[in-house]
Amino acid sequence: SLTVKLIQAGYTVYATMRSPKTQNRLEEACGHSKQLNVVFL
């Protein structure tokens, strides 16, 4: 939720996750914004 809100607020966001399984869902929720960067962590 934070990632989506921050993207909507105009941030460039580095969103970390341990598994890439939900990456597509997050990208869709963020409107495939170029400001979203998913990082494995």
Full PDB file with SEQRES, HELIX, SHEET, SSBOND, CRYST1, ORIGX, SCALE, CONECT and MASTER records, all heavy atoms in Angstrom:
SEQRES   1 A   41  SER LEU THR VAL LYS LEU ILE GLN ALA GLY TYR THR VAL          
SEQRES   2 A   41  TYR ALA THR MET ARG SER PRO LYS THR GLN ASN ARG LEU          
SEQRES   3 A   41  GLU GLU ALA CYS GLY HIS SER LYS GLN LEU ASN VAL VAL          
SEQRES   4 A   41  PHE LEU                                                      
HELIX    1 AA1 LEU A    2  GLN A    8  1                                   7    
HELIX    2 AA2 PRO A   20  THR A   22  5                                   3    
HELIX    3 AA3 GLN A   23  ALA A   29  1                                   7    
SHEET    1 AA1 2 VAL A  13  MET A  17  0                                        
SHEET    2 AA1 2 LEU A  36  PHE A  40  1                                        
CRYST1    1.000    1.000    1.000  90.00  90.00  90.00 P 1           1          
ORIGX1      1.000000  0.000000  0.000000        0.00000                         
ORIGX2      0.000000  1.000000  0.000000        0.00000                         
ORIGX3      0.000000  0.000000  1.000000        0.00000                         
SCALE1      1.000000  0.000000  0.000000        0.00000                         
SCALE2      0.000000  1.000000  0.000000        0.00000                         
SCALE3      0.000000  0.000000  1.000000        0.00000                         
ATOM      1  N   SER A   1       0.829  -1.216   0.000  1.00  0.00           N  
ATOM      2  CA  SER A   1       0.000   0.000   0.000  1.00  0.00           C  
ATOM      3  C   SER A   1       0.857   1.258   0.000  1.00  0.00           C  
ATOM      4  O   SER A   1       0.560   2.232  -0.700  1.00  0.00           O  
ATOM      5  CB  SER A   1      -0.925   0.002   1.222  1.00  0.00           C  
ATOM      6  OG  SER A   1      -1.859  -1.048   1.158  1.00  0.00           O  
ATOM      7  N   LEU A   2       1.931   1.249   0.784  1.00  0.00           N  
ATOM      8  CA  LEU A   2       2.825   2.402   0.850  1.00  0.00           C  
ATOM      9  C   LEU A   2       3.448   2.705  -0.502  1.00  0.00           C  
ATOM     10  O   LEU A   2       3.544   3.870  -0.913  1.00  0.00           O  
ATOM     11  CB  LEU A   2       3.935   2.144   1.874  1.00  0.00           C  
ATOM     12  CG  LEU A   2       3.744   2.679   3.283  1.00  0.00           C  
ATOM     13  CD1 LEU A   2       4.845   2.155   4.185  1.00  0.00           C  
ATOM     14  CD2 LEU A   2       3.711   4.198   3.295  1.00  0.00           C  
ATOM     15  N   THR A   3       3.871   1.659  -1.189  1.00  0.00           N  
ATOM     16  CA  THR A   3       4.485   1.855  -2.504  1.00  0.00           C  
ATOM     17  C   THR A   3       3.510   2.537  -3.454  1.00  0.00           C  
ATOM     18  O   THR A   3       3.865   3.505  -4.148  1.00  0.00           O  
ATOM     19  CB  THR A   3       4.925   0.502  -3.088  1.00  0.00           C  
ATOM     20  OG1 THR A   3       5.880  -0.101  -2.212  1.00  0.00           O  
ATOM     21  CG2 THR A   3       5.551   0.683  -4.459  1.00  0.00           C  
ATOM     22  N   VAL A   4       2.282   2.061  -3.478  1.00  0.00           N  
ATOM     23  CA  VAL A   4       1.268   2.647  -4.362  1.00  0.00           C  
ATOM     24  C   VAL A   4       1.020   4.108  -3.996  1.00  0.00           C  
ATOM     25  O   VAL A   4       0.986   4.990  -4.877  1.00  0.00           O  
ATOM     26  CB  VAL A   4      -0.049   1.844  -4.283  1.00  0.00           C  
ATOM     27  CG1 VAL A   4      -1.142   2.544  -5.103  1.00  0.00           C  
ATOM     28  CG2 VAL A   4       0.161   0.419  -4.779  1.00  0.00           C  
ATOM     29  N   LYS A   5       0.864   4.392  -2.705  1.00  0.00           N  
ATOM     30  CA  LYS A   5       0.585   5.770  -2.264  1.00  0.00           C  
ATOM     31  C   LYS A   5       1.743   6.703  -2.592  1.00  0.00           C  
ATOM     32  O   LYS A   5       1.534   7.859  -3.005  1.00  0.00           O  
ATOM     33  CB  LYS A   5       0.311   5.795  -0.758  1.00  0.00           C  
ATOM     34  CG  LYS A   5      -0.874   4.969  -0.310  1.00  0.00           C  
ATOM     35  CD  LYS A   5      -2.186   5.485  -0.862  1.00  0.00           C  
ATOM     36  CE  LYS A   5      -3.354   4.636  -0.354  1.00  0.00           C  
ATOM     37  NZ  LYS A   5      -4.638   5.045  -0.980  1.00  0.00           N  
ATOM     38  N   LEU A   6       2.968   6.229  -2.400  1.00  0.00           N  
ATOM     39  CA  LEU A   6       4.131   7.074  -2.662  1.00  0.00           C  
ATOM     40  C   LEU A   6       4.308   7.341  -4.159  1.00  0.00           C  
ATOM     41  O   LEU A   6       4.682   8.450  -4.558  1.00  0.00           O  
ATOM     42  CB  LEU A   6       5.388   6.430  -2.078  1.00  0.00           C  
ATOM     43  CG  LEU A   6       5.470   6.425  -0.543  1.00  0.00           C  
ATOM     44  CD1 LEU A   6       6.640   5.567  -0.074  1.00  0.00           C  
ATOM     45  CD2 LEU A   6       5.601   7.846   0.005  1.00  0.00           C  
ATOM     46  N   ILE A   7       4.043   6.333  -4.966  1.00  0.00           N  
ATOM     47  CA  ILE A   7       4.086   6.545  -6.414  1.00  0.00           C  
ATOM     48  C   ILE A   7       3.045   7.586  -6.813  1.00  0.00           C  
ATOM     49  O   ILE A   7       3.322   8.514  -7.596  1.00  0.00           O  
ATOM     50  CB  ILE A   7       3.834   5.220  -7.177  1.00  0.00           C  
ATOM     51  CG1 ILE A   7       5.028   4.281  -7.045  1.00  0.00           C  
ATOM     52  CG2 ILE A   7       3.506   5.488  -8.650  1.00  0.00           C  
ATOM     53  CD1 ILE A   7       6.282   4.722  -7.774  1.00  0.00           C  
ATOM     54  N   GLN A   8       1.849   7.483  -6.256  1.00  0.00           N  
ATOM     55  CA  GLN A   8       0.784   8.442  -6.548  1.00  0.00           C  
ATOM     56  C   GLN A   8       1.155   9.845  -6.069  1.00  0.00           C  
ATOM     57  O   GLN A   8       0.711  10.842  -6.648  1.00  0.00           O  
ATOM     58  CB  GLN A   8      -0.522   7.990  -5.897  1.00  0.00           C  
ATOM     59  CG  GLN A   8      -1.102   6.724  -6.522  1.00  0.00           C  
ATOM     60  CD  GLN A   8      -2.295   6.170  -5.739  1.00  0.00           C  
ATOM     61  OE1 GLN A   8      -2.555   6.574  -4.612  1.00  0.00           O  
ATOM     62  NE2 GLN A   8      -3.024   5.237  -6.347  1.00  0.00           N  
ATOM     63  N   ALA A   9       1.970   9.915  -5.006  1.00  0.00           N  
ATOM     64  CA  ALA A   9       2.378  11.212  -4.461  1.00  0.00           C  
ATOM     65  C   ALA A   9       3.575  11.800  -5.201  1.00  0.00           C  
ATOM     66  O   ALA A   9       4.049  12.889  -4.849  1.00  0.00           O  
ATOM     67  CB  ALA A   9       2.715  11.072  -2.974  1.00  0.00           C  
ATOM     68  N   GLY A  10       4.084  11.076  -6.209  1.00  0.00           N  
ATOM     69  CA  GLY A  10       5.155  11.627  -7.035  1.00  0.00           C  
ATOM     70  C   GLY A  10       6.560  11.202  -6.671  1.00  0.00           C  
ATOM     71  O   GLY A  10       7.539  11.762  -7.184  1.00  0.00           O  
ATOM     72  N   TYR A  11       6.699  10.206  -5.798  1.00  0.00           N  
ATOM     73  CA  TYR A  11       8.027   9.724  -5.415  1.00  0.00           C  
ATOM     74  C   TYR A  11       8.565   8.743  -6.459  1.00  0.00           C  
ATOM     75  O   TYR A  11       7.803   8.070  -7.154  1.00  0.00           O  
ATOM     76  CB  TYR A  11       7.970   8.983  -4.076  1.00  0.00           C  
ATOM     77  CG  TYR A  11       7.844   9.852  -2.853  1.00  0.00           C  
ATOM     78  CD1 TYR A  11       6.615  10.394  -2.484  1.00  0.00           C  
ATOM     79  CD2 TYR A  11       8.947  10.116  -2.046  1.00  0.00           C  
ATOM     80  CE1 TYR A  11       6.490  11.178  -1.344  1.00  0.00           C  
ATOM     81  CE2 TYR A  11       8.830  10.894  -0.896  1.00  0.00           C  
ATOM     82  CZ  TYR A  11       7.595  11.421  -0.558  1.00  0.00           C  
ATOM     83  OH  TYR A  11       7.473  12.193   0.580  1.00  0.00           O  
ATOM     84  N   THR A  12       9.873   8.653  -6.512  1.00  0.00           N  
ATOM     85  CA  THR A  12      10.528   7.512  -7.128  1.00  0.00           C  
ATOM     86  C   THR A  12      10.716   6.499  -6.008  1.00  0.00           C  
ATOM     87  O   THR A  12      11.299   6.824  -4.963  1.00  0.00           O  
ATOM     88  CB  THR A  12      11.899   7.894  -7.712  1.00  0.00           C  
ATOM     89  OG1 THR A  12      11.699   8.780  -8.818  1.00  0.00           O  
ATOM     90  CG2 THR A  12      12.665   6.663  -8.170  1.00  0.00           C  
ATOM     91  N   VAL A  13      10.195   5.293  -6.204  1.00  0.00           N  
ATOM     92  CA  VAL A  13      10.175   4.325  -5.110  1.00  0.00           C  
ATOM     93  C   VAL A  13      10.999   3.090  -5.462  1.00  0.00           C  
ATOM     94  O   VAL A  13      10.835   2.505  -6.548  1.00  0.00           O  
ATOM     95  CB  VAL A  13       8.726   3.891  -4.770  1.00  0.00           C  
ATOM     96  CG1 VAL A  13       8.728   2.881  -3.620  1.00  0.00           C  
ATOM     97  CG2 VAL A  13       7.874   5.108  -4.409  1.00  0.00           C  
ATOM     98  N   TYR A  14      11.855   2.696  -4.526  1.00  0.00           N  
ATOM     99  CA  TYR A  14      12.559   1.429  -4.599  1.00  0.00           C  
ATOM    100  C   TYR A  14      11.867   0.497  -3.610  1.00  0.00           C  
ATOM    101  O   TYR A  14      12.011   0.653  -2.385  1.00  0.00           O  
ATOM    102  CB  TYR A  14      14.041   1.608  -4.263  1.00  0.00           C  
ATOM    103  CG  TYR A  14      14.782   2.315  -5.368  1.00  0.00           C  
ATOM    104  CD1 TYR A  14      14.767   3.710  -5.449  1.00  0.00           C  
ATOM    105  CD2 TYR A  14      15.465   1.600  -6.354  1.00  0.00           C  
ATOM    106  CE1 TYR A  14      15.414   4.375  -6.488  1.00  0.00           C  
ATOM    107  CE2 TYR A  14      16.117   2.250  -7.393  1.00  0.00           C  
ATOM    108  CZ  TYR A  14      16.083   3.637  -7.452  1.00  0.00           C  
ATOM    109  OH  TYR A  14      16.724   4.290  -8.493  1.00  0.00           O  
ATOM    110  N   ALA A  15      11.075  -0.413  -4.143  1.00  0.00           N  
ATOM    111  CA  ALA A  15      10.262  -1.312  -3.332  1.00  0.00           C  
ATOM    112  C   ALA A  15      10.954  -2.664  -3.229  1.00  0.00           C  
ATOM    113  O   ALA A  15      11.179  -3.333  -4.252  1.00  0.00           O  
ATOM    114  CB  ALA A  15       8.880  -1.472  -3.959  1.00  0.00           C  
ATOM    115  N   THR A  16      11.320  -3.060  -2.030  1.00  0.00           N  
ATOM    116  CA  THR A  16      12.038  -4.315  -1.880  1.00  0.00           C  
ATOM    117  C   THR A  16      11.079  -5.453  -1.544  1.00  0.00           C  
ATOM    118  O   THR A  16      10.072  -5.268  -0.875  1.00  0.00           O  
ATOM    119  CB  THR A  16      13.124  -4.241  -0.793  1.00  0.00           C  
ATOM    120  OG1 THR A  16      12.527  -4.389   0.506  1.00  0.00           O  
ATOM    121  CG2 THR A  16      13.886  -2.935  -0.869  1.00  0.00           C  
ATOM    122  N   MET A  17      11.433  -6.629  -2.034  1.00  0.00           N  
ATOM    123  CA  MET A  17      10.667  -7.828  -1.700  1.00  0.00           C  
ATOM    124  C   MET A  17      11.573  -9.039  -1.803  1.00  0.00           C  
ATOM    125  O   MET A  17      12.553  -9.045  -2.558  1.00  0.00           O  
ATOM    126  CB  MET A  17       9.438  -7.978  -2.597  1.00  0.00           C  
ATOM    127  CG  MET A  17       9.707  -7.991  -4.095  1.00  0.00           C  
ATOM    128  SD  MET A  17       8.185  -8.214  -5.074  1.00  0.00           S  
ATOM    129  CE  MET A  17       7.269  -6.723  -4.696  1.00  0.00           C  
ATOM    130  N   ARG A  18      11.237 -10.054  -1.013  1.00  0.00           N  
ATOM    131  CA  ARG A  18      12.069 -11.265  -0.993  1.00  0.00           C  
ATOM    132  C   ARG A  18      11.747 -12.192  -2.155  1.00  0.00           C  
ATOM    133  O   ARG A  18      12.601 -12.938  -2.623  1.00  0.00           O  
ATOM    134  CB  ARG A  18      11.860 -12.002   0.334  1.00  0.00           C  
ATOM    135  CG  ARG A  18      12.765 -13.195   0.542  1.00  0.00           C  
ATOM    136  CD  ARG A  18      12.604 -13.785   1.918  1.00  0.00           C  
ATOM    137  NE  ARG A  18      11.223 -14.179   2.187  1.00  0.00           N  
ATOM    138  CZ  ARG A  18      10.831 -14.761   3.308  1.00  0.00           C  
ATOM    139  NH1 ARG A  18      11.699 -14.964   4.281  1.00  0.00           N  
ATOM    140  NH2 ARG A  18       9.569 -15.105   3.479  1.00  0.00           N  
ATOM    141  N   SER A  19      10.496 -12.159  -2.612  1.00  0.00           N  
ATOM    142  CA  SER A  19      10.080 -13.015  -3.715  1.00  0.00           C  
ATOM    143  C   SER A  19       9.464 -12.169  -4.813  1.00  0.00           C  
ATOM    144  O   SER A  19       8.666 -11.277  -4.535  1.00  0.00           O  
ATOM    145  CB  SER A  19       9.067 -14.053  -3.229  1.00  0.00           C  
ATOM    146  OG  SER A  19       8.492 -14.738  -4.324  1.00  0.00           O  
ATOM    147  N   PRO A  20       9.808 -12.435  -6.070  1.00  0.00           N  
ATOM    148  CA  PRO A  20       9.263 -11.642  -7.173  1.00  0.00           C  
ATOM    149  C   PRO A  20       7.853 -12.055  -7.578  1.00  0.00           C  
ATOM    150  O   PRO A  20       7.303 -11.539  -8.552  1.00  0.00           O  
ATOM    151  CB  PRO A  20      10.254 -11.920  -8.303  1.00  0.00           C  
ATOM    152  CG  PRO A  20      10.741 -13.306  -8.025  1.00  0.00           C  
ATOM    153  CD  PRO A  20      10.789 -13.435  -6.526  1.00  0.00           C  
ATOM    154  N   LYS A  21       7.233 -12.970  -6.823  1.00  0.00           N  
ATOM    155  CA  LYS A  21       5.931 -13.504  -7.209  1.00  0.00           C  
ATOM    156  C   LYS A  21       4.859 -12.425  -7.347  1.00  0.00           C  
ATOM    157  O   LYS A  21       3.965 -12.541  -8.177  1.00  0.00           O  
ATOM    158  CB  LYS A  21       5.471 -14.556  -6.194  1.00  0.00           C  
ATOM    159  CG  LYS A  21       6.301 -15.832  -6.204  1.00  0.00           C  
ATOM    160  CD  LYS A  21       5.796 -16.816  -5.175  1.00  0.00           C  
ATOM    161  CE  LYS A  21       6.640 -18.087  -5.163  1.00  0.00           C  
ATOM    162  NZ  LYS A  21       6.185 -19.059  -4.137  1.00  0.00           N  
ATOM    163  N   THR A  22       4.921 -11.393  -6.504  1.00  0.00           N  
ATOM    164  CA  THR A  22       3.886 -10.362  -6.536  1.00  0.00           C  
ATOM    165  C   THR A  22       4.339  -9.097  -7.264  1.00  0.00           C  
ATOM    166  O   THR A  22       3.662  -8.082  -7.212  1.00  0.00           O  
ATOM    167  CB  THR A  22       3.455  -9.985  -5.104  1.00  0.00           C  
ATOM    168  OG1 THR A  22       4.608  -9.542  -4.377  1.00  0.00           O  
ATOM    169  CG2 THR A  22       2.831 -11.173  -4.393  1.00  0.00           C  
ATOM    170  N   GLN A  23       5.477  -9.167  -7.940  1.00  0.00           N  
ATOM    171  CA  GLN A  23       5.988  -7.982  -8.631  1.00  0.00           C  
ATOM    172  C   GLN A  23       4.993  -7.465  -9.669  1.00  0.00           C  
ATOM    173  O   GLN A  23       4.739  -6.263  -9.751  1.00  0.00           O  
ATOM    174  CB  GLN A  23       7.327  -8.285  -9.302  1.00  0.00           C  
ATOM    175  CG  GLN A  23       7.905  -7.084 -10.043  1.00  0.00           C  
ATOM    176  CD  GLN A  23       9.314  -7.343 -10.557  1.00  0.00           C  
ATOM    177  OE1 GLN A  23      10.002  -8.241 -10.071  1.00  0.00           O  
ATOM    178  NE2 GLN A  23       9.747  -6.568 -11.536  1.00  0.00           N  
ATOM    179  N   ASN A  24       4.429  -8.369 -10.456  1.00  0.00           N  
ATOM    180  CA  ASN A  24       3.486  -7.942 -11.488  1.00  0.00           C  
ATOM    181  C   ASN A  24       2.269  -7.245 -10.895  1.00  0.00           C  
ATOM    182  O   ASN A  24       1.791  -6.240 -11.430  1.00  0.00           O  
ATOM    183  CB  ASN A  24       3.039  -9.148 -12.326  1.00  0.00           C  
ATOM    184  CG  ASN A  24       4.156  -9.681 -13.211  1.00  0.00           C  
ATOM    185  OD1 ASN A  24       5.117  -8.984 -13.490  1.00  0.00           O  
ATOM    186  ND2 ASN A  24       4.021 -10.926 -13.642  1.00  0.00           N  
ATOM    187  N   ARG A  25       1.781  -7.780  -9.784  1.00  0.00           N  
ATOM    188  CA  ARG A  25       0.611  -7.174  -9.136  1.00  0.00           C  
ATOM    189  C   ARG A  25       0.931  -5.775  -8.632  1.00  0.00           C  
ATOM    190  O   ARG A  25       0.126  -4.854  -8.739  1.00  0.00           O  
ATOM    191  CB  ARG A  25       0.130  -8.063  -7.977  1.00  0.00           C  
ATOM    192  CG  ARG A  25      -1.230  -7.660  -7.417  1.00  0.00           C  
ATOM    193  CD  ARG A  25      -1.779  -8.760  -6.517  1.00  0.00           C  
ATOM    194  NE  ARG A  25      -1.016  -8.894  -5.297  1.00  0.00           N  
ATOM    195  CZ  ARG A  25      -1.278  -8.213  -4.174  1.00  0.00           C  
ATOM    196  NH1 ARG A  25      -2.274  -7.341  -4.139  1.00  0.00           N  
ATOM    197  NH2 ARG A  25      -0.550  -8.396  -3.092  1.00  0.00           N  
ATOM    198  N   LEU A  26       2.134  -5.601  -8.081  1.00  0.00           N  
ATOM    199  CA  LEU A  26       2.539  -4.282  -7.597  1.00  0.00           C  
ATOM    200  C   LEU A  26       2.691  -3.312  -8.757  1.00  0.00           C  
ATOM    201  O   LEU A  26       2.272  -2.153  -8.683  1.00  0.00           O  
ATOM    202  CB  LEU A  26       3.854  -4.395  -6.817  1.00  0.00           C  
ATOM    203  CG  LEU A  26       4.403  -3.092  -6.228  1.00  0.00           C  
ATOM    204  CD1 LEU A  26       3.413  -2.473  -5.242  1.00  0.00           C  
ATOM    205  CD2 LEU A  26       5.744  -3.337  -5.546  1.00  0.00           C  
ATOM    206  N   GLU A  27       3.288  -3.770  -9.843  1.00  0.00           N  
ATOM    207  CA  GLU A  27       3.464  -2.902 -11.012  1.00  0.00           C  
ATOM    208  C   GLU A  27       2.117  -2.461 -11.574  1.00  0.00           C  
ATOM    209  O   GLU A  27       1.941  -1.297 -11.959  1.00  0.00           O  
ATOM    210  CB  GLU A  27       4.273  -3.649 -12.076  1.00  0.00           C  
ATOM    211  CG  GLU A  27       5.741  -3.832 -11.688  1.00  0.00           C  
ATOM    212  CD  GLU A  27       6.512  -4.717 -12.657  1.00  0.00           C  
ATOM    213  OE1 GLU A  27       5.851  -5.428 -13.460  1.00  0.00           O  
ATOM    214  OE2 GLU A  27       7.752  -4.693 -12.624  1.00  0.00           O  
ATOM    215  N   GLU A  28       1.164  -3.385 -11.602  1.00  0.00           N  
ATOM    216  CA  GLU A  28      -0.177  -3.035 -12.084  1.00  0.00           C  
ATOM    217  C   GLU A  28      -0.840  -2.020 -11.171  1.00  0.00           C  
ATOM    218  O   GLU A  28      -1.467  -1.050 -11.625  1.00  0.00           O  
ATOM    219  CB  GLU A  28      -1.036  -4.295 -12.185  1.00  0.00           C  
ATOM    220  CG  GLU A  28      -0.642  -5.225 -13.316  1.00  0.00           C  
ATOM    221  CD  GLU A  28      -1.453  -6.506 -13.320  1.00  0.00           C  
ATOM    222  OE1 GLU A  28      -2.402  -6.607 -12.512  1.00  0.00           O  
ATOM    223  OE2 GLU A  28      -1.142  -7.402 -14.125  1.00  0.00           O  
ATOM    224  N   ALA A  29      -0.705  -2.219  -9.852  1.00  0.00           N  
ATOM    225  CA  ALA A  29      -1.311  -1.303  -8.882  1.00  0.00           C  
ATOM    226  C   ALA A  29      -0.710   0.095  -8.986  1.00  0.00           C  
ATOM    227  O   ALA A  29      -1.375   1.092  -8.674  1.00  0.00           O  
ATOM    228  CB  ALA A  29      -1.140  -1.844  -7.464  1.00  0.00           C  
ATOM    229  N   CYS A  30       0.541   0.165  -9.421  1.00  0.00           N  
ATOM    230  CA  CYS A  30       1.225   1.454  -9.583  1.00  0.00           C  
ATOM    231  C   CYS A  30       1.077   2.009 -11.002  1.00  0.00           C  
ATOM    232  O   CYS A  30       1.775   2.980 -11.371  1.00  0.00           O  
ATOM    233  CB  CYS A  30       2.708   1.309  -9.231  1.00  0.00           C  
ATOM    234  SG  CYS A  30       3.018   0.964  -7.487  1.00  0.00           S  
ATOM    235  N   GLY A  31       0.203   1.409 -11.780  1.00  0.00           N  
ATOM    236  CA  GLY A  31      -0.030   1.904 -13.142  1.00  0.00           C  
ATOM    237  C   GLY A  31       1.170   1.769 -14.044  1.00  0.00           C  
ATOM    238  O   GLY A  31       1.337   2.550 -14.983  1.00  0.00           O  
ATOM    239  N   HIS A  32       2.011   0.762 -13.763  1.00  0.00           N  
ATOM    240  CA  HIS A  32       3.234   0.523 -14.543  1.00  0.00           C  
ATOM    241  C   HIS A  32       4.097   1.795 -14.627  1.00  0.00           C  
ATOM    242  O   HIS A  32       4.688   2.105 -15.667  1.00  0.00           O  
ATOM    243  CB  HIS A  32       2.896   0.006 -15.944  1.00  0.00           C  
ATOM    244  CG  HIS A  32       2.194  -1.324 -15.920  1.00  0.00           C  
ATOM    245  ND1 HIS A  32       2.868  -2.502 -15.716  1.00  0.00           N  
ATOM    246  CD2 HIS A  32       0.878  -1.647 -16.049  1.00  0.00           C  
ATOM    247  CE1 HIS A  32       1.996  -3.515 -15.730  1.00  0.00           C  
ATOM    248  NE2 HIS A  32       0.785  -3.025 -15.931  1.00  0.00           N  
ATOM    249  N   SER A  33       4.148   2.500 -13.503  1.00  0.00           N  
ATOM    250  CA  SER A  33       4.921   3.739 -13.433  1.00  0.00           C  
ATOM    251  C   SER A  33       6.417   3.476 -13.617  1.00  0.00           C  
ATOM    252  O   SER A  33       6.971   2.511 -13.064  1.00  0.00           O  
ATOM    253  CB  SER A  33       4.694   4.414 -12.072  1.00  0.00           C  
ATOM    254  OG  SER A  33       5.583   5.490 -11.886  1.00  0.00           O  
ATOM    255  N   LYS A  34       7.065   4.341 -14.359  1.00  0.00           N  
ATOM    256  CA  LYS A  34       8.509   4.238 -14.535  1.00  0.00           C  
ATOM    257  C   LYS A  34       9.262   4.641 -13.270  1.00  0.00           C  
ATOM    258  O   LYS A  34      10.480   4.440 -13.179  1.00  0.00           O  
ATOM    259  CB  LYS A  34       8.949   5.112 -15.712  1.00  0.00           C  
ATOM    260  CG  LYS A  34       8.439   4.613 -17.064  1.00  0.00           C  
ATOM    261  CD  LYS A  34       8.934   5.492 -18.199  1.00  0.00           C  
ATOM    262  CE  LYS A  34       8.436   4.979 -19.545  1.00  0.00           C  
ATOM    263  NZ  LYS A  34       8.903   5.827 -20.676  1.00  0.00           N  
ATOM    264  N   GLN A  35       8.519   5.219 -12.307  1.00  0.00           N  
ATOM    265  CA  GLN A  35       9.149   5.635 -11.051  1.00  0.00           C  
ATOM    266  C   GLN A  35       9.223   4.490 -10.035  1.00  0.00           C  
ATOM    267  O   GLN A  35       9.793   4.652  -8.968  1.00  0.00           O  
ATOM    268  CB  GLN A  35       8.368   6.804 -10.438  1.00  0.00           C  
ATOM    269  CG  GLN A  35       8.271   8.044 -11.323  1.00  0.00           C  
ATOM    270  CD  GLN A  35       9.636   8.527 -11.771  1.00  0.00           C  
ATOM    271  OE1 GLN A  35       9.912   8.697 -12.963  1.00  0.00           O  
ATOM    272  NE2 GLN A  35      10.526   8.742 -10.810  1.00  0.00           N  
ATOM    273  N   LEU A  36       8.644   3.350 -10.395  1.00  0.00           N  
ATOM    274  CA  LEU A  36       8.693   2.181  -9.514  1.00  0.00           C  
ATOM    275  C   LEU A  36       9.876   1.296  -9.893  1.00  0.00           C  
ATOM    276  O   LEU A  36      10.063   0.945 -11.057  1.00  0.00           O  
ATOM    277  CB  LEU A  36       7.398   1.372  -9.628  1.00  0.00           C  
ATOM    278  CG  LEU A  36       7.399   0.005  -8.909  1.00  0.00           C  
ATOM    279  CD1 LEU A  36       7.538   0.186  -7.403  1.00  0.00           C  
ATOM    280  CD2 LEU A  36       6.146  -0.783  -9.254  1.00  0.00           C  
ATOM    281  N   ASN A  37      10.664   0.945  -8.879  1.00  0.00           N  
ATOM    282  CA  ASN A  37      11.807   0.058  -9.069  1.00  0.00           C  
ATOM    283  C   ASN A  37      11.719  -1.060  -8.030  1.00  0.00           C  
ATOM    284  O   ASN A  37      11.788  -0.796  -6.822  1.00  0.00           O  
ATOM    285  CB  ASN A  37      13.124   0.816  -8.877  1.00  0.00           C  
ATOM    286  CG  ASN A  37      13.219   2.037  -9.769  1.00  0.00           C  
ATOM    287  OD1 ASN A  37      13.633   1.955 -10.901  1.00  0.00           O  
ATOM    288  ND2 ASN A  37      12.806   3.193  -9.240  1.00  0.00           N  
ATOM    289  N   VAL A  38      11.540  -2.278  -8.483  1.00  0.00           N  
ATOM    290  CA  VAL A  38      11.449  -3.421  -7.571  1.00  0.00           C  
ATOM    291  C   VAL A  38      12.849  -3.993  -7.355  1.00  0.00           C  
ATOM    292  O   VAL A  38      13.576  -4.258  -8.319  1.00  0.00           O  
ATOM    293  CB  VAL A  38      10.496  -4.496  -8.120  1.00  0.00           C  
ATOM    294  CG1 VAL A  38      10.498  -5.724  -7.212  1.00  0.00           C  
ATOM    295  CG2 VAL A  38       9.080  -3.930  -8.255  1.00  0.00           C  
ATOM    296  N   VAL A  39      13.210  -4.157  -6.078  1.00  0.00           N  
ATOM    297  CA  VAL A  39      14.546  -4.622  -5.720  1.00  0.00           C  
ATOM    298  C   VAL A  39      14.440  -5.904  -4.902  1.00  0.00           C  
ATOM    299  O   VAL A  39      13.692  -5.954  -3.914  1.00  0.00           O  
ATOM    300  CB  VAL A  39      15.293  -3.545  -4.892  1.00  0.00           C  
ATOM    301  CG1 VAL A  39      16.687  -4.039  -4.502  1.00  0.00           C  
ATOM    302  CG2 VAL A  39      15.387  -2.241  -5.666  1.00  0.00           C  
ATOM    303  N   PHE A  40      15.167  -6.932  -5.287  1.00  0.00           N  
ATOM    304  CA  PHE A  40      15.199  -8.165  -4.507  1.00  0.00           C  
ATOM    305  C   PHE A  40      15.975  -7.924  -3.217  1.00  0.00           C  
ATOM    306  O   PHE A  40      17.080  -7.377  -3.230  1.00  0.00           O  
ATOM    307  CB  PHE A  40      15.862  -9.296  -5.298  1.00  0.00           C  
ATOM    308  CG  PHE A  40      16.135 -10.526  -4.461  1.00  0.00           C  
ATOM    309  CD1 PHE A  40      15.106 -11.391  -4.142  1.00  0.00           C  
ATOM    310  CD2 PHE A  40      17.410 -10.782  -3.973  1.00  0.00           C  
ATOM    311  CE1 PHE A  40      15.345 -12.518  -3.357  1.00  0.00           C  
ATOM    312  CE2 PHE A  40      17.659 -11.905  -3.185  1.00  0.00           C  
ATOM    313  CZ  PHE A  40      16.617 -12.776  -2.882  1.00  0.00           C  
ATOM    314  N   LEU A  41      15.407  -8.348  -2.096  1.00  0.00           N  
ATOM    315  CA  LEU A  41      16.083  -8.170  -0.813  1.00  0.00           C  
ATOM    316  C   LEU A  41      15.623  -9.238   0.166  1.00  0.00           C  
ATOM    317  O   LEU A  41      14.446  -9.328   0.513  1.00  0.00           O  
ATOM    318  CB  LEU A  41      15.774  -6.784  -0.233  1.00  0.00           C  
ATOM    319  CG  LEU A  41      16.293  -6.496   1.185  1.00  0.00           C  
ATOM    320  CD1 LEU A  41      17.801  -6.688   1.269  1.00  0.00           C  
ATOM    321  CD2 LEU A  41      15.907  -5.086   1.612  1.00  0.00           C  
TER     322      LEU A  41                                                      
MASTER        0    0    0    3    2    0    0    6  321    1    0    4          
END                                                                             
